[in-house]
């Protein structure tokens, strides 16, 4: 073997090793951990996942949207439990998905499953708008996050009215990461802000700063604290590797993209689903 061939082979081996090892490393650090908790069967129940309609970071900015796993992970948890799952967005139509969330280093099994699932893809391409739907038709309402949600979930009066009605009807409500911003316009049975005095979690100010995307109009920790929420979170050397879920009655929230599966299972438990025997 010539010296040049040996160098080429070495470079190829390093590249292959990096491609195989790096995804494992980020999982070990805490990104998209496998859910190993109790599972539930919810046949006959219905779930609604609501996402952003915002495709960019500001006018003409970098592409964004819902973070992939914050849509795909809960969708498959609900579907595999026997639920009928609808997908909606603030304005309806094609849901923007943050392209970075499907990168080989970041994407999880639910993301890869979505990319081979034309039925789910069609729901994303032709999502229902909030104004088309009735809360009484669902047992669970899940608010997906992603940077796009910082532009429209927390300011949508339609979403606020939808969550208010869902809560009054006794539905289980929750979400992950930026998704809980969608609770800001909602009211409880007394007409007070739904989040006031309630324990919940969402993406932290620390994670927003660490990822360097601070130009969004709303930051979940900041806005939810200001609205009176009892904000709770965990931290790591980088908060994107933290994982934390909070259950406060019928309100179930997850800190970031790592919590989608667990939040979905907790929501089904709270909704009265049947435990699956191990």
Protein backbone atom coordinates (compact mmCIF):
# COMPACT_ATOMS: atom_id res chain seq x y z
CA UNK A 1 0.00 0.00 0.00
CA UNK A 2 1.37 3.39 -0.95
CA UNK A 3 1.70 6.19 1.58
CA UNK A 4 -1.07 8.18 -0.12
CA UNK A 5 -3.43 5.18 -0.10
CA UNK A 6 -2.69 4.61 3.57
CA UNK A 7 -3.52 8.24 4.37
CA UNK A 8 -6.76 8.06 2.39
CA UNK A 9 -7.72 4.85 4.19
CA UNK A 10 -6.96 6.40 7.56
CA UNK A 11 -9.06 9.47 6.77
CA UNK A 12 -11.92 7.23 5.63
CA UNK A 13 -11.75 5.17 8.82
CA UNK A 14 -11.73 8.29 10.98
CA UNK A 15 -14.72 9.69 9.08
CA UNK A 16 -16.68 6.44 9.43
CA UNK A 17 -15.79 6.20 13.10
CA UNK A 18 -16.89 9.76 13.71
CA UNK A 19 -20.17 9.16 11.87
CA UNK A 20 -20.88 6.09 14.00
CA UNK A 21 -19.55 7.26 17.37
CA UNK A 22 -20.75 10.86 17.64
CA UNK A 23 -24.50 10.03 17.69
CA UNK A 24 -23.83 7.48 20.43
CA UNK A 25 -21.84 10.04 22.39
CA UNK A 26 -24.56 12.69 22.31
CA UNK A 27 -27.09 10.08 23.46
CA UNK A 28 -24.81 9.15 26.36
CA UNK A 29 -24.59 12.83 27.27
CA UNK A 30 -28.38 12.95 27.41
CA UNK A 31 -29.77 14.00 24.02
CA UNK A 32 -32.96 12.08 23.16
CA UNK A 33 -32.65 9.38 25.83
CA UNK A 34 -34.60 6.18 25.33
CA UNK A 35 -37.81 6.21 27.35
CA UNK A 36 -37.76 3.30 29.80
CA UNK A 37 -40.66 4.18 32.08
CA UNK A 38 -44.16 2.72 32.28
CA UNK A 39 -46.26 2.61 29.13
CA UNK A 40 -50.00 2.86 28.67
CA UNK A 41 -52.73 1.69 26.33
CA UNK A 42 -55.22 4.37 25.34
CA UNK A 43 -57.34 2.76 22.63
CA UNK A 44 -60.37 4.86 21.80
CA UNK A 45 -58.89 8.10 23.07
CA UNK A 46 -57.82 11.03 20.88
CA UNK A 47 -54.80 13.31 21.02
CA UNK A 48 -54.11 16.61 19.34
CA UNK A 49 -50.58 17.90 18.76
CA UNK A 50 -50.35 21.65 18.12
CA UNK A 51 -47.31 23.30 16.54
CA UNK A 52 -46.04 26.64 15.36
CA UNK A 53 -46.63 28.05 11.88
CA UNK A 54 -43.54 30.28 12.01
CA UNK A 55 -40.91 29.17 9.44
CA UNK A 56 -38.04 31.56 10.14
CA UNK A 57 -36.21 33.36 12.92
CA UNK A 58 -37.74 36.74 12.18
CA UNK A 59 -38.55 38.13 8.72
CA UNK A 60 -36.27 36.50 6.16
CA UNK A 61 -34.17 34.89 8.87
CA UNK A 62 -32.74 31.41 9.32
CA UNK A 63 -35.19 28.55 8.73
CA UNK A 64 -36.83 27.17 11.84
CA UNK A 65 -40.21 25.81 12.92
CA UNK A 66 -41.17 22.97 15.22
CA UNK A 67 -38.26 20.89 16.47
CA UNK A 68 -38.66 17.48 14.83
CA UNK A 69 -38.66 15.18 17.84
CA UNK A 70 -41.05 17.42 19.75
CA UNK A 71 -43.62 16.49 17.12
CA UNK A 72 -42.58 12.99 16.12
CA UNK A 73 -41.87 11.45 19.54
CA UNK A 74 -45.24 12.24 21.14
CA UNK A 75 -47.06 11.40 17.92
CA UNK A 76 -45.75 7.84 17.86
CA UNK A 77 -46.18 7.38 21.62
CA UNK A 78 -49.85 8.27 21.26
CA UNK A 79 -50.37 6.30 18.05
CA UNK A 80 -48.61 3.18 19.33
CA UNK A 81 -50.83 3.33 22.43
CA UNK A 82 -53.88 3.02 20.19
CA UNK A 83 -54.90 6.67 20.08
CA UNK A 84 -56.16 8.59 17.09
CA UNK A 85 -53.78 11.52 16.60
CA UNK A 86 -54.49 14.79 14.81
CA UNK A 87 -51.89 17.43 13.99
CA UNK A 88 -52.68 21.13 14.01
CA UNK A 89 -50.82 24.43 13.77
CA UNK A 90 -51.63 28.04 14.47
CA UNK A 91 -52.52 28.89 10.85
CA UNK A 92 -52.99 25.42 9.39
CA UNK A 93 -51.35 24.10 6.24
CA UNK A 94 -47.75 22.94 5.95
CA UNK A 95 -45.93 22.83 9.27
CA UNK A 96 -42.36 24.13 9.12
CA UNK A 97 -39.88 21.71 10.68
CA UNK A 98 -36.52 23.01 11.82
CA UNK A 99 -34.08 21.43 9.32
CA UNK A 100 -31.38 21.11 11.97
CA UNK A 101 -33.54 18.74 13.98
CA UNK A 102 -33.24 16.06 11.28
CA UNK A 103 -29.45 16.20 11.00
CA UNK A 104 -27.79 12.77 11.39
CA UNK A 105 -26.21 13.76 14.70
CA UNK A 106 -29.47 14.99 16.25
CA UNK A 107 -32.34 13.00 14.73
CA UNK A 108 -33.84 10.22 16.84
CA UNK A 109 -35.72 7.03 15.96
CA UNK A 110 -39.08 8.80 15.83
CA UNK A 111 -37.68 11.33 13.34
CA UNK A 112 -36.37 8.56 11.11
CA UNK A 113 -39.71 6.76 11.35
CA UNK A 114 -41.50 9.95 10.30
CA UNK A 115 -39.31 10.26 7.21
CA UNK A 116 -40.66 6.87 6.05
CA UNK A 117 -44.29 7.49 7.05
CA UNK A 118 -46.37 9.09 4.25
CA UNK A 119 -49.52 9.19 6.39
CA UNK A 120 -47.85 11.26 9.10
CA UNK A 121 -46.10 13.40 6.49
CA UNK A 122 -49.46 14.18 4.90
CA UNK A 123 -50.82 15.33 8.27
CA UNK A 124 -47.85 17.68 8.57
CA UNK A 125 -48.24 18.97 5.01
CA UNK A 126 -51.95 19.61 5.52
CA UNK A 127 -52.24 20.40 9.19
CA UNK A 128 -55.53 21.65 10.59
CA UNK A 129 -55.71 25.18 11.96
CA UNK A 130 -56.73 25.76 15.56
CA UNK A 131 -59.85 27.59 14.43
CA UNK A 132 -61.11 24.43 12.66
CA UNK A 133 -61.04 22.24 15.76
CA UNK A 134 -63.11 21.67 18.89
CA UNK A 135 -61.39 20.86 22.21
CA UNK A 136 -64.19 18.54 23.31
CA UNK A 137 -63.15 16.09 20.59
CA UNK A 138 -59.83 15.35 22.31
CA UNK A 139 -58.65 13.77 25.54
CA UNK A 140 -55.11 15.16 25.32
CA UNK A 141 -53.73 18.43 23.91
CA UNK A 142 -49.95 18.47 23.42
CA UNK A 143 -48.05 21.68 22.60
CA UNK A 144 -44.89 21.00 20.60
CA UNK A 145 -41.99 23.44 20.79
CA UNK A 146 -39.12 24.57 18.62
CA UNK A 147 -37.88 28.10 18.03
CA UNK A 148 -40.84 28.96 15.81
CA UNK A 149 -43.17 28.59 18.78
CA UNK A 150 -41.53 31.63 20.36
CA UNK A 151 -43.23 33.74 17.67
CA UNK A 152 -46.83 32.54 17.68
CA UNK A 153 -47.87 30.08 20.40
CA UNK A 154 -47.71 32.56 23.26
CA UNK A 155 -49.51 35.35 21.44
CA UNK A 156 -52.30 33.41 19.71
CA UNK A 157 -55.71 34.34 21.09
CA UNK A 158 -57.22 31.41 19.19
CA UNK A 159 -54.86 28.98 20.90
CA UNK A 160 -55.50 30.61 24.26
CA UNK A 161 -59.25 30.18 23.81
CA UNK A 162 -58.76 26.58 22.68
CA UNK A 163 -56.66 25.69 25.74
CA UNK A 164 -59.06 27.53 28.04
CA UNK A 165 -61.98 25.43 26.75
CA UNK A 166 -59.96 22.21 26.84
CA UNK A 167 -59.00 22.87 30.46
CA UNK A 168 -62.58 23.71 31.46
CA UNK A 169 -63.69 20.43 29.86
CA UNK A 170 -61.26 18.44 32.01
CA UNK A 171 -58.77 17.59 29.27
CA UNK A 172 -55.11 16.79 29.89
CA UNK A 173 -52.93 19.62 28.61
CA UNK A 174 -49.17 19.92 28.28
CA UNK A 175 -46.15 20.18 26.05
CA UNK A 176 -42.39 20.47 25.86
CA UNK A 177 -39.65 23.07 25.37
CA UNK A 178 -41.15 26.24 23.80
CA UNK A 179 -44.55 24.55 23.61
CA UNK A 180 -45.75 25.69 27.07
CA UNK A 181 -45.70 29.25 25.74
CA UNK A 182 -49.06 28.22 24.29
CA UNK A 183 -50.46 28.27 27.83
CA UNK A 184 -49.88 32.00 28.29
CA UNK A 185 -53.20 33.17 26.82
CA UNK A 186 -55.25 30.46 28.55
CA UNK A 187 -57.43 30.95 31.62
CA UNK A 188 -58.50 28.56 34.35
CA UNK A 189 -62.03 27.97 35.64
CA UNK A 190 -61.90 31.18 37.70
CA UNK A 191 -60.77 33.36 34.82
CA UNK A 192 -57.22 33.64 36.13
CA UNK A 193 -54.14 32.86 34.00
CA UNK A 194 -53.90 29.09 33.71
CA UNK A 195 -50.20 29.01 34.57
CA UNK A 196 -50.46 31.24 37.66
CA UNK A 197 -49.36 29.29 40.72
CA UNK A 198 -48.99 26.04 38.79
CA UNK A 199 -45.79 24.05 38.74
CA UNK A 200 -44.42 23.51 35.26
CA UNK A 201 -41.27 23.42 33.18
CA UNK A 202 -40.10 24.48 29.72
CA UNK A 203 -36.86 25.36 28.00
CA UNK A 204 -34.62 27.39 30.30
CA UNK A 205 -33.13 30.83 29.77
CA UNK A 206 -29.76 29.12 30.20
CA UNK A 207 -30.38 26.78 27.25
CA UNK A 208 -31.57 29.66 25.07
CA UNK A 209 -28.36 31.57 25.84
CA UNK A 210 -26.15 28.50 25.35
CA UNK A 211 -27.62 27.87 21.91
CA UNK A 212 -27.20 31.52 20.97
CA UNK A 213 -30.73 32.10 19.73
CA UNK A 214 -31.81 35.03 21.86
CA UNK A 215 -33.52 37.17 19.21
CA UNK A 216 -36.88 35.39 19.50
CA UNK A 217 -39.65 37.58 20.96
CA UNK A 218 -40.48 35.21 23.81
CA UNK A 219 -38.32 32.99 26.04
CA UNK A 220 -40.32 30.30 27.89
CA UNK A 221 -38.73 30.52 31.34
CA UNK A 222 -38.87 34.31 31.36
CA UNK A 223 -42.45 34.60 30.11
CA UNK A 224 -43.88 31.80 32.25
CA UNK A 225 -42.27 33.12 35.42
CA UNK A 226 -43.61 36.59 34.62
CA UNK A 227 -47.10 35.09 34.25
CA UNK A 228 -46.90 33.64 37.76
CA UNK A 229 -45.92 30.05 37.00
CA UNK A 230 -43.97 28.04 39.56
CA UNK A 231 -41.16 27.30 37.10
CA UNK A 232 -39.06 24.20 37.81
CA UNK A 233 -36.09 22.83 35.86
CA UNK A 234 -32.89 20.84 35.99
CA UNK A 235 -29.49 21.81 34.65
CA UNK A 236 -26.40 20.19 33.16
CA UNK A 237 -23.15 21.52 31.79
CA UNK A 238 -25.28 22.29 28.73
CA UNK A 239 -29.02 22.38 29.35
CA UNK A 240 -29.81 20.76 26.00
CA UNK A 241 -28.71 17.51 27.66
CA UNK A 242 -30.96 17.97 30.71
CA UNK A 243 -34.27 16.13 30.97
CA UNK A 244 -37.06 17.06 33.35
CA UNK A 245 -40.82 16.43 33.44
CA UNK A 246 -43.33 18.06 35.77
CA UNK A 247 -46.87 16.82 36.48
CA UNK A 248 -49.28 19.22 38.20
CA UNK A 249 -52.72 17.67 38.06
CA UNK A 250 -53.86 17.68 34.44
CA UNK A 251 -50.91 19.84 33.36
CA UNK A 252 -47.88 17.87 32.13
CA UNK A 253 -44.78 19.65 30.85
CA UNK A 254 -41.27 18.72 29.73
CA UNK A 255 -38.17 20.91 29.86
CA UNK A 256 -36.91 20.39 26.32
CA UNK A 257 -36.62 18.13 23.28
CA UNK A 258 -35.52 15.19 25.42
CA UNK A 259 -38.88 14.89 27.18
CA UNK A 260 -41.36 14.25 24.36
CA UNK A 261 -41.88 10.53 24.95
CA UNK A 262 -42.11 10.78 28.72
CA UNK A 263 -44.54 13.69 28.63
CA UNK A 264 -46.76 11.79 26.20
CA UNK A 265 -46.81 8.71 28.44
CA UNK A 266 -47.50 10.81 31.55
CA UNK A 267 -50.35 12.55 29.75
CA UNK A 268 -51.92 9.22 28.87
CA UNK A 269 -51.56 8.07 32.49
CA UNK A 270 -53.28 11.21 33.75
CA UNK A 271 -56.01 10.76 31.12
CA UNK A 272 -56.86 7.37 32.59
CA UNK A 273 -55.13 5.08 30.10
CA UNK A 274 -54.53 1.45 30.99
CA UNK A 275 -51.04 0.47 32.17
CA UNK A 276 -49.24 -2.05 29.96
CA UNK A 277 -48.07 -5.06 31.95
CA UNK A 278 -44.30 -5.56 31.76
